[in-house]
Amino acid sequence: MNYHIGVVEDDTNIQNIVSAYLKKEGFTISILGSAEEAWQLWETQPPDMWVLDIMLPGMDGYDFCKKIRNVSDVPIIIISAKDEEIDKILGIELGGDDYLTKPFSPRELVARVKRLFKRSNPPTQSADQESEKIRIDNLVIQKNDRRLFWESEEVEITTKEYEMLLLFAENVNRAFSREELLVKIWGDDYFGSDRAVDDLVKRIRKKMSDIQLETVWGYGYRLRSEEE
């Protein structure tokens, strides 16, 4: 599949390098110098992924990320000269899927783009396969089409929210440490804070207020079910 990537970056040198490396891998690239231009592209020809700088003229990358997350779960890789942990945490909390600090290796960016596409678009099953369902109390997950229902109502969720809930549902009543969850959901090459785990749990609880997603104090989380 020929994926379309929107690169939102006002530095022409970085624009040229990122564009060249991604085009070499077969991706279609749109270069935008501002978040306002990027939003215009989103409304006319939405990309399959964003590579997003934080320090932009006008609307900054954080605000753009938040604006996109209000309408879509499209993957977002944040690139920034800000390397403080709080900046990375903020980027992830606002909906970024990955965070690269400048200066970065273009090859590393390509690898992360490919990995994120792979995680966001798992292989589809054939049409004649019956939908595999997991039911835990009021939670139902249809694995083959990645749909989730809570109390019989379908819930719109992000890729990471789905992956976390599927992991818990397949291991009901098992406690996972924050470190385990970081590796399983974000991958073993993620170097951000484990606060990303807490934020993801918070978002799930907000969407499914009565879900028995329990905090294991000083350790991590588990999905509780008395039916198991």
Protein backbone atom coordinates (compact mmCIF):
# COMPACT_ATOMS: atom_id res chain seq x y z
CA MET A 1 0.00 0.00 0.00
CA ASN A 2 1.30 3.46 -0.93
CA TYR A 3 0.91 5.37 2.32
CA HIS A 4 0.61 9.15 2.34
CA ILE A 5 2.63 10.94 5.05
CA GLY A 6 2.24 14.59 6.00
CA VAL A 7 5.52 16.12 7.20
CA VAL A 8 4.86 19.30 9.20
CA GLU A 9 8.20 21.07 9.59
CA ASP A 10 9.36 24.65 8.94
CA ASP A 11 13.09 23.87 8.62
CA THR A 12 13.80 23.37 4.89
CA ASN A 13 16.90 21.23 5.52
CA ILE A 14 14.92 18.79 7.67
CA GLN A 15 12.06 18.90 5.15
CA ASN A 16 14.41 17.84 2.34
CA ILE A 17 16.17 15.09 4.30
CA VAL A 18 13.00 13.56 5.75
CA SER A 19 11.21 13.76 2.42
CA ALA A 20 14.09 12.12 0.53
CA TYR A 21 14.41 9.19 2.94
CA LEU A 22 10.67 8.53 3.12
CA LYS A 23 10.17 8.82 -0.67
CA LYS A 24 13.01 6.32 -1.15
CA GLU A 25 10.92 3.82 0.86
CA GLY A 26 7.95 4.34 -1.47
CA PHE A 27 5.84 6.71 0.64
CA THR A 28 3.95 9.66 -0.82
CA ILE A 29 5.02 12.81 1.01
CA SER A 30 3.33 16.17 1.54
CA ILE A 31 5.55 18.89 3.05
CA LEU A 32 3.79 21.55 5.14
CA GLY A 33 5.55 24.52 6.72
CA SER A 34 2.87 25.26 9.30
CA ALA A 35 0.09 23.58 11.25
CA GLU A 36 -2.45 25.77 9.46
CA GLU A 37 -1.32 24.40 6.07
CA ALA A 38 -1.38 20.90 7.52
CA TRP A 39 -4.98 21.31 8.67
CA GLN A 40 -5.98 22.44 5.16
CA LEU A 41 -4.40 19.26 3.79
CA TRP A 42 -6.26 17.21 6.41
CA GLU A 43 -9.58 18.62 5.19
CA THR A 44 -8.85 17.90 1.51
CA GLN A 45 -6.42 14.96 1.28
CA PRO A 46 -5.83 13.51 4.77
CA PRO A 47 -2.50 11.70 5.22
CA ASP A 48 -2.21 8.20 6.65
CA MET A 49 0.39 9.47 9.14
CA TRP A 50 1.82 12.76 10.42
CA VAL A 51 5.47 13.50 11.15
CA LEU A 52 5.01 16.61 13.26
CA ASP A 53 7.44 19.24 14.55
CA ILE A 54 6.50 21.01 17.79
CA MET A 55 8.04 24.46 17.26
CA LEU A 56 6.03 25.87 14.36
CA PRO A 57 5.00 29.38 13.35
CA GLY A 58 1.43 30.15 14.38
CA MET A 59 -0.30 27.08 15.83
CA ASP A 60 2.30 24.86 17.50
CA GLY A 61 2.62 21.10 17.11
CA TYR A 62 1.01 20.31 20.46
CA ASP A 63 -2.16 22.19 19.54
CA PHE A 64 -2.24 20.59 16.09
CA CYS A 65 -1.80 17.12 17.61
CA LYS A 66 -4.67 17.79 20.01
CA LYS A 67 -6.85 19.09 17.16
CA ILE A 68 -6.21 15.98 15.05
CA ARG A 69 -6.89 13.68 18.01
CA ASN A 70 -10.33 15.25 18.41
CA VAL A 71 -11.31 13.86 15.02
CA SER A 72 -9.01 10.94 14.18
CA ASP A 73 -6.71 8.18 15.40
CA VAL A 74 -4.24 8.69 12.51
CA PRO A 75 -0.68 7.85 13.68
CA ILE A 76 1.47 10.82 14.71
CA ILE A 77 5.25 10.86 15.19
CA ILE A 78 6.42 14.00 16.99
CA ILE A 79 9.89 15.38 16.23
CA SER A 80 11.26 18.14 18.40
CA ALA A 81 14.40 19.88 19.62
CA LYS A 82 12.80 19.79 23.07
CA ASP A 83 14.40 16.83 24.83
CA GLU A 84 13.13 17.32 28.38
CA GLU A 85 11.08 14.42 29.73
CA ILE A 86 8.12 16.71 30.43
CA ASP A 87 7.98 17.66 26.72
CA LYS A 88 7.92 14.00 25.68
CA ILE A 89 5.24 13.22 28.24
CA LEU A 90 3.11 16.12 27.01
CA GLY A 91 3.47 14.98 23.42
CA ILE A 92 2.34 11.45 24.28
CA GLU A 93 -0.47 12.65 26.54
CA LEU A 94 -1.85 14.83 23.74
CA GLY A 95 -2.01 11.81 21.45
CA GLY A 96 1.40 11.39 19.84
CA ASP A 97 2.29 7.77 19.09
CA ASP A 98 6.05 8.28 19.11
CA TYR A 99 8.58 11.03 19.89
CA LEU A 100 11.96 11.67 18.28
CA THR A 101 14.39 14.28 19.58
CA LYS A 102 16.38 16.43 17.16
CA PRO A 103 18.93 15.78 15.86
CA PHE A 104 17.80 12.30 14.84
CA SER A 105 18.87 9.69 12.32
CA PRO A 106 16.66 9.71 9.20
CA ARG A 107 17.01 5.94 9.11
CA GLU A 108 15.63 5.73 12.64
CA LEU A 109 12.65 7.85 11.58
CA VAL A 110 12.01 5.53 8.63
CA ALA A 111 12.19 2.50 10.93
CA ARG A 112 9.71 4.06 13.35
CA VAL A 113 7.36 5.03 10.53
CA LYS A 114 7.33 1.45 9.24
CA ARG A 115 6.88 0.02 12.72
CA LEU A 116 3.99 2.35 13.49
CA PHE A 117 2.22 1.53 10.22
CA LYS A 118 2.65 -2.17 10.98
CA ARG A 119 1.17 -1.79 14.46
CA SER A 120 -1.68 0.43 13.25
CA ASN A 121 -2.63 -1.79 10.30
CA PRO A 122 -2.44 -5.47 11.26
CA PRO A 123 -3.07 -8.11 8.57
CA THR A 124 -6.74 -8.52 7.80
CA GLN A 125 -8.48 -11.86 7.97
CA SER A 126 -10.46 -13.42 5.14
CA ALA A 127 -14.12 -12.49 4.84
CA ASP A 128 -15.36 -16.02 5.51
CA GLN A 129 -13.68 -16.19 8.92
CA GLU A 130 -16.04 -15.83 11.83
CA SER A 131 -15.38 -12.78 13.98
CA GLU A 132 -13.34 -13.82 17.01
CA LYS A 133 -14.88 -12.26 20.08
CA ILE A 134 -13.60 -11.84 23.60
CA ARG A 135 -16.23 -11.09 26.22
CA ILE A 136 -15.28 -9.90 29.72
CA ASP A 137 -18.34 -8.81 31.68
CA ASN A 138 -19.69 -5.77 29.74
CA LEU A 139 -16.68 -5.58 27.44
CA VAL A 140 -16.76 -7.24 24.01
CA ILE A 141 -13.79 -7.13 21.62
CA GLN A 142 -14.13 -8.26 18.00
CA LYS A 143 -10.55 -9.07 17.11
CA ASN A 144 -10.74 -9.55 13.35
CA ASP A 145 -12.12 -6.06 12.67
CA ARG A 146 -10.68 -4.39 15.81
CA ARG A 147 -14.04 -3.19 17.11
CA LEU A 148 -14.87 -2.74 20.78
CA PHE A 149 -18.22 -2.61 22.55
CA TRP A 150 -18.95 -1.50 26.11
CA GLU A 151 -22.38 -2.23 27.58
CA SER A 152 -23.58 -3.12 24.04
CA GLU A 153 -22.51 0.25 22.61
CA GLU A 154 -19.59 0.54 20.20
CA VAL A 155 -16.78 2.73 21.55
CA GLU A 156 -14.42 4.77 19.38
CA ILE A 157 -10.91 4.04 20.61
CA THR A 158 -7.35 4.73 19.55
CA THR A 159 -4.88 2.07 18.43
CA LYS A 160 -3.08 2.03 21.77
CA GLU A 161 -6.34 1.96 23.75
CA TYR A 162 -7.38 -1.08 21.71
CA GLU A 163 -4.02 -2.82 22.18
CA MET A 164 -4.07 -2.26 25.93
CA LEU A 165 -7.64 -3.49 26.35
CA LEU A 166 -6.98 -6.55 24.18
CA LEU A 167 -3.89 -7.38 26.25
CA PHE A 168 -5.86 -7.11 29.50
CA ALA A 169 -8.85 -9.04 28.10
CA GLU A 170 -6.62 -11.89 26.94
CA ASN A 171 -4.99 -11.98 30.39
CA VAL A 172 -7.92 -11.16 32.64
CA ASN A 173 -7.11 -10.78 36.37
CA ARG A 174 -3.37 -10.75 35.64
CA ALA A 175 -1.47 -7.70 36.89
CA PHE A 176 0.93 -6.05 34.44
CA SER A 177 3.67 -3.72 35.59
CA ARG A 178 3.97 -0.31 33.96
CA GLU A 179 7.29 -1.41 32.43
CA GLU A 180 5.64 -4.49 30.87
CA LEU A 181 2.86 -2.37 29.44
CA LEU A 182 5.32 0.11 27.94
CA VAL A 183 7.14 -2.69 26.12
CA LYS A 184 3.99 -4.49 24.96
CA ILE A 185 2.05 -1.39 23.85
CA TRP A 186 4.76 1.08 22.82
CA GLY A 187 7.53 -1.38 21.95
CA ASP A 188 10.91 -2.13 23.48
CA ASP A 189 12.51 0.86 21.73
CA TYR A 190 10.31 3.39 23.54
CA PHE A 191 12.29 5.60 25.90
CA GLY A 192 9.60 7.85 27.36
CA SER A 193 8.18 7.95 30.87
CA ASP A 194 5.80 5.31 32.22
CA ARG A 195 3.36 8.17 32.78
CA ALA A 196 2.22 7.38 29.24
CA VAL A 197 0.71 4.17 30.67
CA ASP A 198 -1.17 6.07 33.38
CA ASP A 199 -2.52 8.51 30.81
CA LEU A 200 -3.73 5.71 28.54
CA VAL A 201 -5.51 4.00 31.44
CA LYS A 202 -7.10 7.33 32.37
CA ARG A 203 -8.45 7.76 28.84
CA ILE A 204 -9.89 4.23 28.82
CA ARG A 205 -11.60 4.75 32.17
CA LYS A 206 -13.10 8.00 30.91
CA LYS A 207 -14.65 6.22 27.92
CA MET A 208 -15.82 3.20 29.96
CA SER A 209 -16.53 4.60 33.40
CA ASP A 210 -17.47 1.33 35.14
CA ILE A 211 -14.77 -0.88 33.67
CA GLN A 212 -12.94 -2.90 36.32
CA LEU A 213 -9.51 -1.69 35.25
CA GLU A 214 -7.82 -1.69 38.62
CA THR A 215 -4.67 0.01 39.84
CA VAL A 216 -2.20 -2.33 41.50
CA TRP A 217 -0.53 0.24 43.73
CA GLY A 218 3.20 0.56 43.27
CA TYR A 219 3.15 -1.88 40.37
CA GLY A 220 0.71 -1.40 37.50
CA TYR A 221 -2.79 -2.41 36.38
CA ARG A 222 -5.09 -5.37 35.76
CA LEU A 223 -8.54 -5.99 34.32
CA ARG A 224 -10.67 -7.61 37.03
CA SER A 225 -13.49 -10.04 36.33
CA GLU A 226 -15.35 -12.21 38.84
CA GLU A 227 -16.54 -14.46 36.02
CA GLU A 228 -13.10 -15.89 35.44
